[in-house]
C-alpha atoms as a PDB file:
ATOM      1  CA  MET A   1      -0.004  -0.005   0.007  1.00  0.00           C
ATOM      2  CA  PHE A   2       1.053   3.562  -0.887  1.00  0.00           C
ATOM      3  CA  GLY A   3       4.569   2.440  -1.865  1.00  0.00           C
ATOM      4  CA  ARG A   4       3.788  -0.598  -4.027  1.00  0.00           C
ATOM      5  CA  ARG A   5       1.782  -1.282  -7.187  1.00  0.00           C
ATOM      6  CA  PRO A   6       1.461  -4.425  -9.311  1.00  0.00           C
ATOM      7  CA  ASP A   7       2.205  -2.544 -12.570  1.00  0.00           C
ATOM      8  CA  ALA A   8       4.977  -0.080 -11.587  1.00  0.00           C
ATOM      9  CA  THR A   9       7.710   0.854  -9.176  1.00  0.00           C
ATOM     10  CA  LEU A  10       8.022   4.088  -7.196  1.00  0.00           C
ATOM     11  CA  VAL A  11      10.494   6.582  -8.654  1.00  0.00           C
ATOM     12  CA  GLN A  12      12.908   7.380  -5.893  1.00  0.00           C
ATOM     13  CA  GLU A  13      15.402   9.874  -7.292  1.00  0.00           C
ATOM     14  CA  LEU A  14      13.437  13.088  -7.913  1.00  0.00           C
ATOM     15  CA  SER A  15      14.182  16.776  -7.603  1.00  0.00           C
ATOM     16  CA  THR A  16      12.301  18.617  -4.917  1.00  0.00           C
ATOM     17  CA  MET A  17      10.260  20.517  -7.560  1.00  0.00           C
ATOM     18  CA  ARG A  18       9.194  17.305  -9.379  1.00  0.00           C
ATOM     19  CA  ARG A  19       8.271  15.625  -6.097  1.00  0.00           C
ATOM     20  CA  PHE A  20       6.144  18.655  -5.195  1.00  0.00           C
ATOM     21  CA  MET A  21       4.360  19.110  -8.606  1.00  0.00           C
ATOM     22  CA  PRO A  22       1.544  16.563  -7.978  1.00  0.00           C
ATOM     23  CA  TYR A  23       0.555  18.627  -4.868  1.00  0.00           C
ATOM     24  CA  ILE A  24       0.397  21.838  -6.935  1.00  0.00           C
ATOM     25  CA  SER A  25      -1.469  20.212  -9.799  1.00  0.00           C
ATOM     26  CA  PRO A  26      -3.161  17.056  -8.497  1.00  0.00           C
ATOM     27  CA  ARG A  27      -5.123  16.391 -11.708  1.00  0.00           C
ATOM     28  CA  ARG A  28      -3.731  15.324 -15.130  1.00  0.00           C
ATOM     29  CA  ASN A  29      -5.742  17.925 -16.970  1.00  0.00           C
ATOM     30  CA  ASP A  30      -4.397  20.652 -14.689  1.00  0.00           C
ATOM     31  CA  SER A  31      -0.967  19.675 -15.847  1.00  0.00           C
ATOM     32  CA  VAL A  32      -1.129  19.168 -19.603  1.00  0.00           C
ATOM     33  CA  PHE A  33       1.223  20.557 -22.187  1.00  0.00           C
ATOM     34  CA  TYR A  34       0.214  20.635 -25.878  1.00  0.00           C
ATOM     35  CA  MET A  35       2.605  20.283 -28.795  1.00  0.00           C
ATOM     36  CA  MET A  36       2.014  20.022 -32.532  1.00  0.00           C
ATOM     37  CA  GLN A  37       4.740  18.104 -34.390  1.00  0.00           C
ATOM     38  CA  GLU A  38       5.339  17.904 -38.157  1.00  0.00           C
ATOM     39  CA  VAL A  39       6.850  14.756 -39.616  1.00  0.00           C
ATOM     40  CA  GLU A  40       8.072  14.367 -43.227  1.00  0.00           C
ATOM     41  CA  VAL A  41       6.783  11.048 -44.504  1.00  0.00           C
ATOM     42  CA  GLU A  42       8.158  10.710 -48.078  1.00  0.00           C
ATOM     43  CA  ALA A  43      10.902   8.258 -47.084  1.00  0.00           C
ATOM     44  CA  ALA A  44       8.469   6.363 -44.870  1.00  0.00           C
ATOM     45  CA  LEU A  45       5.951   5.874 -47.689  1.00  0.00           C
ATOM     46  CA  GLU A  46       8.699   4.619 -49.999  1.00  0.00           C
ATOM     47  CA  PHE A  47       9.826   2.242 -47.214  1.00  0.00           C
ATOM     48  CA  LEU A  48       6.282   0.912 -46.804  1.00  0.00           C
ATOM     49  CA  ALA A  49       5.893   0.290 -50.536  1.00  0.00           C
ATOM     50  CA  LYS A  50       8.975  -1.902 -50.494  1.00  0.00           C
ATOM     51  CA  LYS A  51       8.137  -3.723 -47.258  1.00  0.00           C
ATOM     52  CA  ASN A  52       4.599  -4.505 -48.382  1.00  0.00           C
ATOM     53  CA  VAL A  53       5.628  -6.287 -51.551  1.00  0.00           C
ATOM     54  CA  ASP A  54       6.027  -9.523 -49.575  1.00  0.00           C
ATOM     55  CA  ARG A  55       3.248  -8.847 -47.042  1.00  0.00           C
ATOM     56  CA  PRO A  56      -0.279 -10.350 -47.208  1.00  0.00           C
ATOM     57  CA  THR A  57      -2.566  -7.858 -48.971  1.00  0.00           C
ATOM     58  CA  ASP A  58      -4.922  -7.849 -46.010  1.00  0.00           C
ATOM     59  CA  ARG A  59      -2.140  -7.140 -43.507  1.00  0.00           C
ATOM     60  CA  PRO A  60      -0.059  -4.273 -44.909  1.00  0.00           C
ATOM     61  CA  ILE A  61       2.375  -2.359 -42.756  1.00  0.00           C
ATOM     62  CA  THR A  62       1.050   1.241 -42.541  1.00  0.00           C
ATOM     63  CA  LEU A  63       2.272   4.611 -41.475  1.00  0.00           C
ATOM     64  CA  PHE A  64       0.348   4.165 -38.260  1.00  0.00           C
ATOM     65  CA  HIS A  65       2.324   1.013 -37.550  1.00  0.00           C
ATOM     66  CA  LEU A  66       5.585   2.988 -38.004  1.00  0.00           C
ATOM     67  CA  PHE A  67       4.228   5.559 -35.546  1.00  0.00           C
ATOM     68  CA  LEU A  68       3.406   2.839 -32.982  1.00  0.00           C
ATOM     69  CA  ARG A  69       6.810   1.218 -33.468  1.00  0.00           C
ATOM     70  CA  SER A  70       8.708   4.475 -32.968  1.00  0.00           C
ATOM     71  CA  LEU A  71       6.564   5.393 -29.922  1.00  0.00           C
ATOM     72  CA  SER A  72       7.076   2.028 -28.292  1.00  0.00           C
ATOM     73  CA  GLN A  73      10.807   2.317 -28.835  1.00  0.00           C
ATOM     74  CA  ALA A  74      10.715   5.783 -27.239  1.00  0.00           C
ATOM     75  CA  MET A  75       9.060   4.335 -24.130  1.00  0.00           C
ATOM     76  CA  TYR A  76      11.990   1.921 -23.757  1.00  0.00           C
ATOM     77  CA  LEU A  77      14.879   4.232 -24.790  1.00  0.00           C
ATOM     78  CA  ARG A  78      13.487   7.197 -22.811  1.00  0.00           C
ATOM     79  CA  PRO A  79      11.852   5.631 -19.736  1.00  0.00           C
ATOM     80  CA  GLY A  80      11.156   8.985 -18.142  1.00  0.00           C
ATOM     81  CA  VAL A  81       8.111   9.376 -20.400  1.00  0.00           C
ATOM     82  CA  ASN A  82       6.822   5.928 -19.443  1.00  0.00           C
ATOM     83  CA  ARG A  83       5.711   7.180 -16.048  1.00  0.00           C
ATOM     84  CA  PHE A  84       2.514   8.313 -14.377  1.00  0.00           C
ATOM     85  CA  VAL A  85       1.340  10.106 -11.249  1.00  0.00           C
ATOM     86  CA  LYS A  86      -0.926   8.252  -8.841  1.00  0.00           C
ATOM     87  CA  ALA A  87      -1.678   9.185  -5.227  1.00  0.00           C
ATOM     88  CA  ARG A  88       0.603  12.236  -5.722  1.00  0.00           C
ATOM     89  CA  GLN A  89       3.621   9.945  -6.340  1.00  0.00           C
ATOM     90  CA  LEU A  90       5.527   9.281  -9.527  1.00  0.00           C
ATOM     91  CA  TRP A  91       5.625   5.700 -10.786  1.00  0.00           C
ATOM     92  CA  GLN A  92       7.753   3.960 -13.412  1.00  0.00           C
ATOM     93  CA  ARG A  93       5.631   1.614 -15.527  1.00  0.00           C
ATOM     94  CA  ASP A  94       6.960  -1.938 -15.922  1.00  0.00           C
ATOM     95  CA  GLY A  95       6.426  -2.327 -19.651  1.00  0.00           C
ATOM     96  CA  GLU A  96       5.676  -0.558 -22.918  1.00  0.00           C
ATOM     97  CA  TRP A  97       1.871  -0.489 -23.471  1.00  0.00           C
ATOM     98  CA  LEU A  98      -0.033   1.450 -26.154  1.00  0.00           C
ATOM     99  CA  THR A  99      -3.759   1.784 -26.592  1.00  0.00           C
ATOM    100  CA  PHE A 100      -5.511   2.927 -29.750  1.00  0.00           C
ATOM    101  CA  SER A 101      -9.010   3.181 -31.162  1.00  0.00           C
ATOM    102  CA  ALA A 102     -10.249   1.689 -34.390  1.00  0.00           C
ATOM    103  CA  LYS A 103     -13.556   1.427 -36.176  1.00  0.00           C
ATOM    104  CA  LYS A 104     -15.185  -2.000 -36.580  1.00  0.00           C
ATOM    105  CA  GLU A 105     -15.915  -0.807 -40.144  1.00  0.00           C
ATOM    106  CA  ILE A 106     -14.833   2.355 -41.943  1.00  0.00           C
ATOM    107  CA  LYS A 107     -18.260   3.928 -42.130  1.00  0.00           C
ATOM    108  CA  ASP A 108     -20.227   6.561 -40.259  1.00  0.00           C
ATOM    109  CA  GLY A 109     -21.932   5.218 -37.200  1.00  0.00           C
ATOM    110  CA  SER A 110     -19.784   2.086 -36.942  1.00  0.00           C
ATOM    111  CA  PRO A 111     -18.856   1.292 -33.258  1.00  0.00           C
ATOM    112  CA  MET A 112     -15.315   1.902 -31.973  1.00  0.00           C
ATOM    113  CA  LEU A 113     -12.889  -0.738 -30.844  1.00  0.00           C
ATOM    114  CA  THR A 114     -10.297   0.019 -28.206  1.00  0.00           C
ATOM    115  CA  ILE A 115      -7.145  -2.037 -28.541  1.00  0.00           C
ATOM    116  CA  LYS A 116      -4.467  -2.284 -25.847  1.00  0.00           C
ATOM    117  CA  ASN A 117      -1.241  -4.040 -26.731  1.00  0.00           C
ATOM    118  CA  ARG A 118       2.007  -4.685 -24.897  1.00  0.00           C
ATOM    119  CA  PHE A 119       5.005  -3.998 -27.165  1.00  0.00           C
ATOM    120  CA  HIS A 120       8.380  -5.666 -26.910  1.00  0.00           C
ATOM    121  CA  PRO A 121      10.746  -3.268 -28.738  1.00  0.00           C
ATOM    122  CA  THR A 122      13.886  -5.156 -27.629  1.00  0.00           C
ATOM    123  CA  THR A 123      12.853  -8.529 -28.982  1.00  0.00           C
ATOM    124  CA  GLU A 124      10.095  -8.390 -31.607  1.00  0.00           C
ATOM    125  CA  THR A 125      10.618  -7.447 -35.260  1.00  0.00           C
ATOM    126  CA  ILE A 126       8.378  -4.857 -36.927  1.00  0.00           C
ATOM    127  CA  GLU A 127       6.635  -7.669 -38.790  1.00  0.00           C
ATOM    128  CA  GLU A 128       5.915  -9.460 -35.502  1.00  0.00           C
ATOM    129  CA  MET A 129       4.618  -6.280 -33.992  1.00  0.00           C
ATOM    130  CA  VAL A 130       2.297  -5.602 -36.943  1.00  0.00           C
ATOM    131  CA  ASP A 131       0.931  -9.160 -36.963  1.00  0.00           C
ATOM    132  CA  ALA A 132       0.220  -8.992 -33.219  1.00  0.00           C
ATOM    133  CA  ILE A 133      -1.809  -5.767 -33.806  1.00  0.00           C
ATOM    134  CA  TYR A 134      -3.746  -7.344 -36.643  1.00  0.00           C
ATOM    135  CA  ASP A 135      -4.525 -10.375 -34.436  1.00  0.00           C
ATOM    136  CA  LYS A 136      -5.941  -8.024 -31.760  1.00  0.00           C
ATOM    137  CA  LEU A 137      -7.997  -6.166 -34.380  1.00  0.00           C
ATOM    138  CA  GLN A 138      -9.328  -9.395 -35.843  1.00  0.00           C
ATOM    139  CA  PHE A 139     -10.408 -10.497 -32.360  1.00  0.00           C
ATOM    140  CA  GLY A 140     -12.148  -7.203 -31.715  1.00  0.00           C
ATOM    141  CA  ARG A 141     -13.919  -7.109 -35.055  1.00  0.00           C
ATOM    142  CA  SER A 142     -15.121 -10.695 -34.617  1.00  0.00           C
ATOM    143  CA  GLY A 143     -17.551  -9.471 -31.976  1.00  0.00           C
ATOM    144  CA  LYS A 144     -15.892 -11.297 -29.089  1.00  0.00           C
ATOM    145  CA  LYS A 145     -15.782  -9.293 -25.897  1.00  0.00           C
ATOM    146  CA  THR A 146     -12.701  -8.516 -23.877  1.00  0.00           C
ATOM    147  CA  THR A 147     -12.663  -8.616 -20.061  1.00  0.00           C
ATOM    148  CA  SER A 148     -12.944  -4.797 -20.041  1.00  0.00           C
ATOM    149  CA  ASP A 149     -15.980  -4.945 -22.346  1.00  0.00           C
ATOM    150  CA  LYS A 150     -17.669  -7.450 -20.071  1.00  0.00           C
ATOM    151  CA  GLU A 151     -16.994  -5.373 -16.997  1.00  0.00           C
ATOM    152  CA  MET A 152     -18.364  -2.189 -18.575  1.00  0.00           C
ATOM    153  CA  GLY A 153     -21.385  -4.155 -19.855  1.00  0.00           C
ATOM    154  CA  LEU A 154     -22.204  -5.211 -16.350  1.00  0.00           C
ATOM    155  CA  ALA A 155     -21.558  -1.764 -14.909  1.00  0.00           C
ATOM    156  CA  VAL A 156     -23.893   0.136 -17.264  1.00  0.00           C
ATOM    157  CA  ARG A 157     -26.776  -2.037 -16.110  1.00  0.00           C
ATOM    158  CA  LEU A 158     -26.480  -0.455 -12.684  1.00  0.00           C
ATOM    159  CA  PRO A 159     -28.226   2.765 -11.682  1.00  0.00           C
ATOM    160  CA  GLY A 160     -26.169   5.942 -12.171  1.00  0.00           C
ATOM    161  CA  PHE A 161     -25.446   6.437  -8.469  1.00  0.00           C
ATOM    162  CA  ALA A 162     -24.223   2.816  -8.208  1.00  0.00           C
ATOM    163  CA  ILE A 163     -21.809   3.341 -11.123  1.00  0.00           C
ATOM    164  CA  MET A 164     -20.424   6.375  -9.326  1.00  0.00           C
ATOM    165  CA  VAL A 165     -19.870   4.268  -6.191  1.00  0.00           C
ATOM    166  CA  VAL A 166     -18.120   1.599  -8.192  1.00  0.00           C
ATOM    167  CA  MET A 167     -15.838   4.147  -9.877  1.00  0.00           C
ATOM    168  CA  ALA A 168     -15.015   5.731  -6.523  1.00  0.00           C
ATOM    169  CA  LEU A 169     -14.141   2.282  -5.177  1.00  0.00           C
ATOM    170  CA  LEU A 170     -11.864   1.585  -8.163  1.00  0.00           C
ATOM    171  CA  ALA A 171     -10.141   4.949  -7.640  1.00  0.00           C
ATOM    172  CA  TRP A 172      -9.656   4.187  -3.957  1.00  0.00           C
ATOM    173  CA  LEU A 173      -8.132   0.783  -4.741  1.00  0.00           C
ATOM    174  CA  ASP A 174      -5.953   2.247  -7.474  1.00  0.00           C
ATOM    175  CA  ASN A 175      -4.572   5.039  -5.322  1.00  0.00           C
ATOM    176  CA  ARG A 176      -3.564   2.458  -2.717  1.00  0.00           C
ATOM    177  CA  GLY A 177      -1.997   0.049  -5.197  1.00  0.00           C
ATOM    178  CA  LEU A 178      -4.669  -2.556  -4.475  1.00  0.00           C
ATOM    179  CA  MET A 179      -6.241  -2.914  -7.910  1.00  0.00           C
ATOM    180  CA  PRO A 180      -5.525  -6.505  -9.212  1.00  0.00           C
ATOM    181  CA  ARG A 181      -2.999  -6.852 -12.008  1.00  0.00           C
ATOM    182  CA  SER A 182      -5.544  -8.721 -14.054  1.00  0.00           C
ATOM    183  CA  MET A 183      -7.863  -5.694 -14.072  1.00  0.00           C
ATOM    184  CA  ILE A 184      -4.973  -3.314 -14.921  1.00  0.00           C
ATOM    185  CA  ASP A 185      -3.716  -5.403 -17.815  1.00  0.00           C
ATOM    186  CA  GLY A 186      -7.204  -5.640 -19.284  1.00  0.00           C
ATOM    187  CA  ASP A 187      -8.074  -1.937 -18.897  1.00  0.00           C
ATOM    188  CA  PRO A 188      -7.210   0.183 -21.941  1.00  0.00           C
ATOM    189  CA  LEU A 189      -6.731   3.344 -19.893  1.00  0.00           C
ATOM    190  CA  PHE A 190      -3.924   1.818 -17.852  1.00  0.00           C
ATOM    191  CA  THR A 191      -1.383   2.386 -20.593  1.00  0.00           C
ATOM    192  CA  SER A 192       1.888   4.189 -21.464  1.00  0.00           C
ATOM    193  CA  ALA A 193       0.099   6.284 -24.130  1.00  0.00           C
ATOM    194  CA  PHE A 194      -3.266   6.447 -25.888  1.00  0.00           C
ATOM    195  CA  VAL A 195      -3.024   7.135 -29.603  1.00  0.00           C
ATOM    196  CA  ALA A 196      -5.496   7.805 -32.432  1.00  0.00           C
ATOM    197  CA  ASN A 197      -5.128   7.926 -36.233  1.00  0.00           C
ATOM    198  CA  LEU A 198      -7.377  10.593 -37.659  1.00  0.00           C
ATOM    199  CA  GLY A 199      -5.436  10.319 -40.896  1.00  0.00           C
ATOM    200  CA  SER A 200      -7.276   7.060 -41.546  1.00  0.00           C
ATOM    201  CA  ILE A 201     -10.424   9.124 -42.056  1.00  0.00           C
ATOM    202  CA  ASP A 202      -8.563  11.873 -43.921  1.00  0.00           C
ATOM    203  CA  TYR A 203      -8.812  14.302 -40.992  1.00  0.00           C
ATOM    204  CA  PRO A 204      -6.099  16.613 -39.541  1.00  0.00           C
ATOM    205  CA  ALA A 205      -4.537  16.007 -36.158  1.00  0.00           C
ATOM    206  CA  GLY A 206      -6.219  17.515 -33.104  1.00  0.00           C
ATOM    207  CA  PHE A 207      -5.486  17.623 -29.393  1.00  0.00           C
ATOM    208  CA  HIS A 208      -7.225  15.229 -27.019  1.00  0.00           C
ATOM    209  CA  HIS A 209      -7.659  15.469 -23.281  1.00  0.00           C
ATOM    210  CA  LEU A 210      -6.110  13.021 -20.824  1.00  0.00           C
ATOM    211  CA  TRP A 211      -8.363  10.838 -18.699  1.00  0.00           C
ATOM    212  CA  GLU A 212      -8.185  11.194 -14.933  1.00  0.00           C
ATOM    213  CA  TYR A 213      -9.031   7.533 -14.558  1.00  0.00           C
ATOM    214  CA  GLY A 214      -6.206   5.106 -15.365  1.00  0.00           C
ATOM    215  CA  THR A 215      -2.545   5.922 -15.848  1.00  0.00           C
ATOM    216  CA  ALA A 216      -2.164   7.288 -19.418  1.00  0.00           C
ATOM    217  CA  SER A 217       0.158  10.311 -19.305  1.00  0.00           C
ATOM    218  CA  ILE A 218       0.333  10.903 -23.051  1.00  0.00           C
ATOM    219  CA  PHE A 219      -2.161  11.155 -25.905  1.00  0.00           C
ATOM    220  CA  GLY A 220      -0.910  11.317 -29.462  1.00  0.00           C
ATOM    221  CA  VAL A 221      -3.133  11.986 -32.471  1.00  0.00           C
ATOM    222  CA  MET A 222      -1.824  11.336 -35.999  1.00  0.00           C
ATOM    223  CA  GLY A 223      -3.329  13.451 -38.802  1.00  0.00           C
ATOM    224  CA  LYS A 224      -3.740  12.996 -42.528  1.00  0.00           C
ATOM    225  CA  ILE A 225      -0.920  13.155 -45.083  1.00  0.00           C
ATOM    226  CA  GLU A 226      -0.565  16.614 -46.622  1.00  0.00           C
ATOM    227  CA  PRO A 227       1.759  18.310 -49.123  1.00  0.00           C
ATOM    228  CA  GLY A 228       4.893  19.771 -47.515  1.00  0.00           C
ATOM    229  CA  ALA A 229       7.927  21.794 -48.530  1.00  0.00           C
ATOM    230  CA  ASN A 230      10.078  18.695 -48.950  1.00  0.00           C
ATOM    231  CA  GLY A 231       7.420  16.183 -50.067  1.00  0.00           C
ATOM    232  CA  ARG A 232       4.515  14.803 -48.100  1.00  0.00           C
ATOM    233  CA  LYS A 233       4.128  15.316 -44.373  1.00  0.00           C
ATOM    234  CA  MET A 234       1.758  14.640 -41.521  1.00  0.00           C
ATOM    235  CA  SER A 235       1.180  16.269 -38.156  1.00  0.00           C
ATOM    236  CA  ILE A 236       1.026  14.664 -34.697  1.00  0.00           C
ATOM    237  CA  ALA A 237      -0.796  16.434 -31.878  1.00  0.00           C
ATOM    238  CA  TRP A 238       0.606  15.561 -28.447  1.00  0.00           C
ATOM    239  CA  THR A 239      -1.126  16.053 -25.080  1.00  0.00           C
ATOM    240  CA  TYR A 240       1.359  15.424 -22.301  1.00  0.00           C
ATOM    241  CA  ASP A 241       1.278  15.373 -18.502  1.00  0.00           C
ATOM    242  CA  GLU A 242       4.232  17.594 -17.683  1.00  0.00           C
ATOM    243  CA  ARG A 243       4.541  16.196 -14.143  1.00  0.00           C
ATOM    244  CA  ILE A 244       6.261  13.032 -15.389  1.00  0.00           C
ATOM    245  CA  GLU A 245       9.424  14.619 -16.911  1.00  0.00           C
ATOM    246  CA  ASP A 246      10.915  18.001 -17.747  1.00  0.00           C
ATOM    247  CA  GLY A 247      10.447  19.801 -21.049  1.00  0.00           C
ATOM    248  CA  LEU A 248      13.909  19.228 -22.495  1.00  0.00           C
ATOM    249  CA  TYR A 249      13.827  15.452 -21.874  1.00  0.00           C
ATOM    250  CA  SER A 250      10.328  15.283 -23.385  1.00  0.00           C
ATOM    251  CA  TYR A 251      11.322  17.359 -26.425  1.00  0.00           C
ATOM    252  CA  HIS A 252      14.254  15.078 -27.239  1.00  0.00           C
ATOM    253  CA  THR A 253      11.980  12.071 -26.795  1.00  0.00           C
ATOM    254  CA  LEU A 254       9.448  13.455 -29.306  1.00  0.00           C
ATOM    255  CA  GLU A 255      12.211  14.395 -31.729  1.00  0.00           C
ATOM    256  CA  GLY A 256      13.446  10.797 -31.561  1.00  0.00           C
ATOM    257  CA  ILE A 257       9.990   9.545 -32.526  1.00  0.00           C
ATOM    258  CA  ARG A 258       9.959  11.927 -35.523  1.00  0.00           C
ATOM    259  CA  LYS A 259      13.509  11.107 -36.678  1.00  0.00           C
ATOM    260  CA  ARG A 260      12.861   7.362 -36.617  1.00  0.00           C
ATOM    261  CA  ILE A 261       9.705   7.760 -38.776  1.00  0.00           C
ATOM    262  CA  GLU A 262      11.583  10.006 -41.211  1.00  0.00           C
ATOM    263  CA  ASP A 263      14.411   7.434 -41.381  1.00  0.00           C
ATOM    264  CA  PRO A 264      12.381   4.240 -41.060  1.00  0.00           C
ATOM    265  CA  GLU A 265      15.319   1.838 -41.541  1.00  0.00           C
ATOM    266  CA  GLN A 266      15.962   2.606 -37.848  1.00  0.00           C
ATOM    267  CA  LEU A 267      12.660   0.975 -36.984  1.00  0.00           C
ATOM    268  CA  LEU A 268      13.930  -2.395 -38.269  1.00  0.00           C
ATOM    269  CA  THR A 269      16.383  -2.721 -35.379  1.00  0.00           C
ATOM    270  CA  THR A 270      15.430  -3.695 -31.867  1.00  0.00           C
ATOM    271  CA  THR A 271      16.158  -1.161 -29.173  1.00  0.00           C
ATOM    272  CA  GLY A 272      18.933  -3.442 -28.003  1.00  0.00           C
ATOM    273  CA  GLU A 273      20.700  -1.643 -30.787  1.00  0.00           C
ATOM    274  CA  PRO A 274      19.585   1.905 -30.054  1.00  0.00           C
ATOM    275  CA  VAL A 275      20.246   4.576 -32.667  1.00  0.00           C
END
């Protein structure tokens, strides 16, 4: 309790200011920083065209996969961004987890799927990563329910006041490190970062709030491909809880994400061979 969690370890070496920040700004959305980032994608699109020659036509590697790959590598190479604040303490997450939303079908009114996946940037190849994501999507689009779906389905049958009591109980357990690991692993909001691809519906990037529930400290939104000065480009809109790391560390982390997408050969290596 209060010094232990099943999904993270307490960060011990902190400056006085960073230790005090959760008391000044106790909520994530009191602490957000917004940044719009431009990424040149001409080299990435050429890279994808070559890689997909030997891929199954129903499982192509996409620009979104390159974004997920680079982001998961950043979580490993730059562990300061793979942290979260809970109970006014800073925690180091024990793995690289990303959550993203997808439509069951690309049409207006189609329900959303929420996919949470643990990445293994030091051991899995980019092809293995992509296949794991397609497997999760196939499961979600089959209509089968995840543990989280079943829990929410039961919860929404309760009266409104009862749902509020349940959520308050979950927050109490989470703040004390008592939420079971099985619930944390199945919950899409207990994640290193939540990401969305608005480019898939030909829409520009936009900023998204952070949820107070769960542990996601970063939200990244990828926008559509547009003409740029040096070829095609896309924008990524970042929403970031500034309590987890300082601005310079975070800036270099985001620059690393951009540079790996712009030079996608780097994404073929594991982070055991960091560039």
